Amino acid sequence: MQAQTINSTNPAVEQHVFSLWEILFSGGLVGNLIMISIFILGALALYIFLERYFFIKRAAKDTPDFLENIKDFVEGGRIQGAIDYCKATDSPEARMIEKGLTRIGRPISDISNVMQNQGQLEVSKLEKNLNILASASGAAPMLGFLGTVIGMIMAFFQISNVTGAVSPKLLASGIYTAMATTAVGLFIGIPAYFFYNILVTKVDRVVLKIQTHVNDFLDTLNKPL
């Protein structure tokens, strides 16, 4: 008996190659606009973080013996020399003390007030654009969630127009495409949130350093001769 050879062929299994680009930008016009907006927020957040980080780092840099030199100038009666020394020192506390030096001879309350006003300007410089960074950390996930909701609505709308059985592939592709915006929004928003808190902490440290220098300067002026 001759054995019969049976050739069995397995049905071809369609494999979908993972494509990050396709997942990110396959949500239609509205989804793509939302995705681009999230990436723009991410780029803006990164730029603000780097620019503020190095700006605050320069402001936080210690100037060795700065206050001691100011005390020597004041005690020696060389007020103009102290003012010139402050102008040559690029730091927030130097600019505040410079304002106070220009008011020497007036009541100590006037000196303190003018230094506080200058201090508010210096703090506003340090905190510049931090509100934008905070907004980006919250807006990116919200935009992502909005994209997901819109994508899910569109996906289920397409499914509702399908006659007969709904293909699981159609359902799955619509869902993962819609959820991509939420994933990207969280991917942008979480680092932006940490960036914001890092910068706020650094600003607080600089403000504490400024207050310490200003208080020491005022103590020098109040020191009895």
Protein backbone atom coordinates (compact mmCIF):
# COMPACT_ATOMS: atom_id res chain seq x y z
CA MET A 1 0.00 0.00 0.00
CA GLN A 2 1.48 3.23 -1.11
CA ALA A 3 1.36 5.95 1.43
CA GLN A 4 -0.26 9.10 0.30
CA THR A 5 1.50 12.34 0.99
CA ILE A 6 -0.86 15.01 2.15
CA ASN A 7 0.36 18.58 1.79
CA SER A 8 -1.33 20.72 4.37
CA THR A 9 -0.87 24.42 4.22
CA ASN A 10 -1.45 26.62 7.26
CA PRO A 11 -3.47 29.74 6.62
CA ALA A 12 -1.25 32.79 6.50
CA VAL A 13 -1.25 34.66 9.74
CA GLU A 14 -1.24 38.38 9.20
CA GLN A 15 1.29 40.04 11.42
CA HIS A 16 1.16 43.76 12.03
CA VAL A 17 4.62 45.20 12.51
CA PHE A 18 4.84 47.60 15.45
CA SER A 19 5.28 51.14 14.18
CA LEU A 20 5.56 53.93 16.72
CA TRP A 21 5.00 56.56 14.05
CA GLU A 22 1.80 54.86 12.90
CA ILE A 23 0.49 54.59 16.44
CA LEU A 24 1.24 58.22 17.23
CA PHE A 25 -0.11 59.75 14.05
CA SER A 26 -2.94 57.48 12.96
CA GLY A 27 -5.69 59.25 14.85
CA GLY A 28 -6.95 61.37 12.01
CA LEU A 29 -6.79 65.14 11.69
CA VAL A 30 -8.05 65.93 15.19
CA GLY A 31 -5.88 63.29 16.83
CA ASN A 32 -2.80 64.43 14.94
CA LEU A 33 -3.39 68.05 15.92
CA ILE A 34 -3.71 67.07 19.57
CA MET A 35 -0.59 64.93 19.36
CA ILE A 36 1.40 67.77 17.78
CA SER A 37 0.14 70.15 20.47
CA ILE A 38 1.36 67.77 23.18
CA PHE A 39 4.80 67.52 21.60
CA ILE A 40 4.97 71.32 21.34
CA LEU A 41 4.16 71.54 25.04
CA GLY A 42 6.91 69.02 25.74
CA ALA A 43 9.49 70.98 23.76
CA LEU A 44 8.43 74.21 25.48
CA ALA A 45 8.64 72.60 28.92
CA LEU A 46 12.13 71.26 28.22
CA TYR A 47 13.33 74.64 26.94
CA ILE A 48 11.95 76.50 29.98
CA PHE A 49 13.46 73.97 32.37
CA LEU A 50 16.94 74.18 30.87
CA GLU A 51 16.87 77.99 30.55
CA ARG A 52 15.58 78.50 34.11
CA TYR A 53 17.86 75.85 35.57
CA PHE A 54 21.04 77.54 34.41
CA PHE A 55 19.70 81.03 35.19
CA ILE A 56 18.84 80.03 38.77
CA LYS A 57 22.13 78.19 39.09
CA ARG A 58 24.01 81.40 38.26
CA ALA A 59 21.90 83.31 40.78
CA ALA A 60 22.60 80.70 43.46
CA LYS A 61 26.36 80.88 42.97
CA ASP A 62 28.11 81.95 46.16
CA THR A 63 30.38 84.99 46.09
CA PRO A 64 33.14 84.37 48.62
CA ASP A 65 33.54 87.12 51.24
CA PHE A 66 30.97 89.33 49.52
CA LEU A 67 29.21 90.40 52.68
CA GLU A 68 32.46 90.78 54.61
CA ASN A 69 33.76 93.14 51.95
CA ILE A 70 30.54 95.15 52.08
CA LYS A 71 30.88 95.44 55.85
CA ASP A 72 34.46 96.69 55.47
CA PHE A 73 33.34 99.31 52.94
CA VAL A 74 30.47 100.51 55.15
CA GLU A 75 32.45 100.57 58.36
CA GLY A 76 35.19 102.48 56.58
CA GLY A 77 32.72 105.04 55.28
CA ARG A 78 33.42 104.12 51.64
CA ILE A 79 29.80 103.94 50.53
CA GLN A 80 30.51 104.65 46.86
CA GLY A 81 33.14 101.93 46.85
CA ALA A 82 30.55 99.51 48.25
CA ILE A 83 28.07 100.54 45.55
CA ASP A 84 30.67 100.00 42.81
CA TYR A 85 31.54 96.62 44.33
CA CYS A 86 27.86 95.60 44.23
CA LYS A 87 27.57 96.69 40.59
CA ALA A 88 30.55 94.51 39.72
CA THR A 89 28.95 91.51 41.46
CA ASP A 90 26.23 89.89 39.34
CA SER A 91 23.90 88.42 41.95
CA PRO A 92 20.41 89.18 43.31
CA GLU A 93 21.65 90.01 46.81
CA ALA A 94 24.25 92.40 45.38
CA ARG A 95 21.57 94.36 43.53
CA MET A 96 19.39 94.48 46.65
CA ILE A 97 22.24 95.66 48.86
CA GLU A 98 23.18 98.22 46.23
CA LYS A 99 19.68 99.70 46.54
CA GLY A 100 20.09 99.81 50.30
CA LEU A 101 23.48 101.51 50.04
CA THR A 102 22.01 104.31 47.93
CA ARG A 103 19.60 105.07 50.79
CA ILE A 104 22.16 105.21 53.58
CA GLY A 105 21.49 108.27 55.73
CA ARG A 106 17.75 107.73 55.69
CA PRO A 107 15.73 105.82 58.33
CA ILE A 108 16.41 102.10 58.42
CA SER A 109 12.77 101.44 57.51
CA ASP A 110 13.24 103.29 54.21
CA ILE A 111 16.34 101.24 53.47
CA SER A 112 14.50 98.01 54.29
CA ASN A 113 11.52 98.94 52.10
CA VAL A 114 13.58 99.78 49.03
CA MET A 115 15.50 96.52 49.44
CA GLN A 116 12.24 94.57 49.74
CA ASN A 117 10.96 96.15 46.55
CA GLN A 118 14.13 95.18 44.74
CA GLY A 119 13.83 91.72 46.24
CA GLN A 120 10.38 91.29 44.71
CA LEU A 121 11.83 92.15 41.31
CA GLU A 122 14.64 89.63 41.78
CA VAL A 123 12.22 86.87 42.80
CA SER A 124 10.01 87.62 39.80
CA LYS A 125 13.07 87.23 37.57
CA LEU A 126 13.83 83.86 39.14
CA GLU A 127 10.25 82.66 38.76
CA LYS A 128 9.87 83.83 35.16
CA ASN A 129 7.95 81.30 32.99
CA LEU A 130 7.58 78.81 35.85
CA ASN A 131 3.81 79.22 35.57
CA ILE A 132 4.03 78.11 31.93
CA LEU A 133 5.98 75.03 32.99
CA ALA A 134 3.36 74.24 35.63
CA SER A 135 0.59 74.69 33.06
CA ALA A 136 2.37 72.37 30.62
CA SER A 137 2.63 69.65 33.26
CA GLY A 138 -1.14 69.73 33.71
CA ALA A 139 -2.24 70.53 30.17
CA ALA A 140 -0.33 67.73 28.44
CA PRO A 141 -2.17 64.85 30.20
CA MET A 142 -5.49 66.67 29.79
CA LEU A 143 -4.90 67.09 26.06
CA GLY A 144 -3.94 63.43 25.88
CA PHE A 145 -7.13 62.40 27.63
CA LEU A 146 -9.13 64.64 25.31
CA GLY A 147 -7.52 62.94 22.31
CA THR A 148 -8.37 59.53 23.74
CA VAL A 149 -12.01 60.47 24.29
CA ILE A 150 -12.33 61.85 20.77
CA GLY A 151 -10.57 58.79 19.35
CA MET A 152 -12.86 56.41 21.22
CA ILE A 153 -15.92 58.27 20.00
CA MET A 154 -14.70 58.03 16.41
CA ALA A 155 -13.76 54.36 16.82
CA PHE A 156 -17.16 53.37 18.19
CA PHE A 157 -18.87 55.47 15.56
CA GLN A 158 -17.08 53.47 12.87
CA ILE A 159 -17.98 50.22 14.61
CA SER A 160 -21.63 51.23 14.75
CA ASN A 161 -21.65 51.58 10.96
CA VAL A 162 -20.28 48.07 10.41
CA THR A 163 -22.92 45.59 9.30
CA GLY A 164 -22.61 42.10 10.72
CA ALA A 165 -20.04 40.89 13.21
CA VAL A 166 -17.50 43.41 14.40
CA SER A 167 -13.93 42.39 13.78
CA PRO A 168 -11.81 42.29 16.96
CA LYS A 169 -8.97 43.77 14.92
CA LEU A 170 -11.06 46.81 14.06
CA LEU A 171 -12.02 47.30 17.70
CA ALA A 172 -8.48 46.84 19.00
CA SER A 173 -6.88 49.14 16.44
CA GLY A 174 -9.34 51.91 17.23
CA ILE A 175 -8.75 51.60 20.96
CA TYR A 176 -4.92 51.53 20.92
CA THR A 177 -4.84 54.41 18.47
CA ALA A 178 -7.08 56.49 20.73
CA MET A 179 -5.09 55.69 23.89
CA ALA A 180 -1.81 56.77 22.32
CA THR A 181 -2.55 60.43 23.04
CA THR A 182 -3.07 59.73 26.75
CA ALA A 183 0.22 57.83 26.92
CA VAL A 184 2.11 60.66 25.22
CA GLY A 185 0.38 63.26 27.39
CA LEU A 186 1.50 61.45 30.54
CA PHE A 187 4.97 60.95 29.07
CA ILE A 188 5.25 64.73 28.68
CA GLY A 189 3.32 65.83 31.75
CA ILE A 190 5.06 63.73 34.41
CA PRO A 191 8.62 64.99 33.67
CA ALA A 192 7.31 68.56 33.35
CA TYR A 193 5.78 68.23 36.81
CA PHE A 194 9.10 67.11 38.28
CA PHE A 195 10.93 69.87 36.35
CA TYR A 196 8.64 72.47 37.89
CA ASN A 197 9.16 71.22 41.43
CA ILE A 198 12.94 71.06 40.97
CA LEU A 199 13.01 74.69 39.87
CA VAL A 200 10.69 75.83 42.68
CA THR A 201 12.98 74.17 45.22
CA LYS A 202 16.04 75.88 43.73
CA VAL A 203 14.26 79.27 43.77
CA ASP A 204 13.38 78.80 47.44
CA ARG A 205 17.03 78.15 48.24
CA VAL A 206 18.13 81.28 46.41
CA VAL A 207 15.49 83.35 48.21
CA LEU A 208 16.70 82.02 51.56
CA LYS A 209 20.28 82.94 50.65
CA ILE A 210 19.20 86.45 49.64
CA GLN A 211 17.26 86.96 52.87
CA THR A 212 20.26 85.87 54.91
CA HIS A 213 22.56 88.36 53.18
CA VAL A 214 20.03 91.19 53.45
CA ASN A 215 19.43 90.58 57.15
CA ASP A 216 23.18 90.57 57.82
CA PHE A 217 23.53 93.82 55.89
CA LEU A 218 20.75 95.48 57.88
CA ASP A 219 22.36 94.25 61.11
CA THR A 220 25.58 95.92 60.00
CA LEU A 221 23.77 99.23 59.51
CA ASN A 222 22.10 98.90 62.91
CA LYS A 223 25.35 98.10 64.67
CA PRO A 224 26.15 100.84 67.17
CA LEU A 225 29.30 102.80 66.35
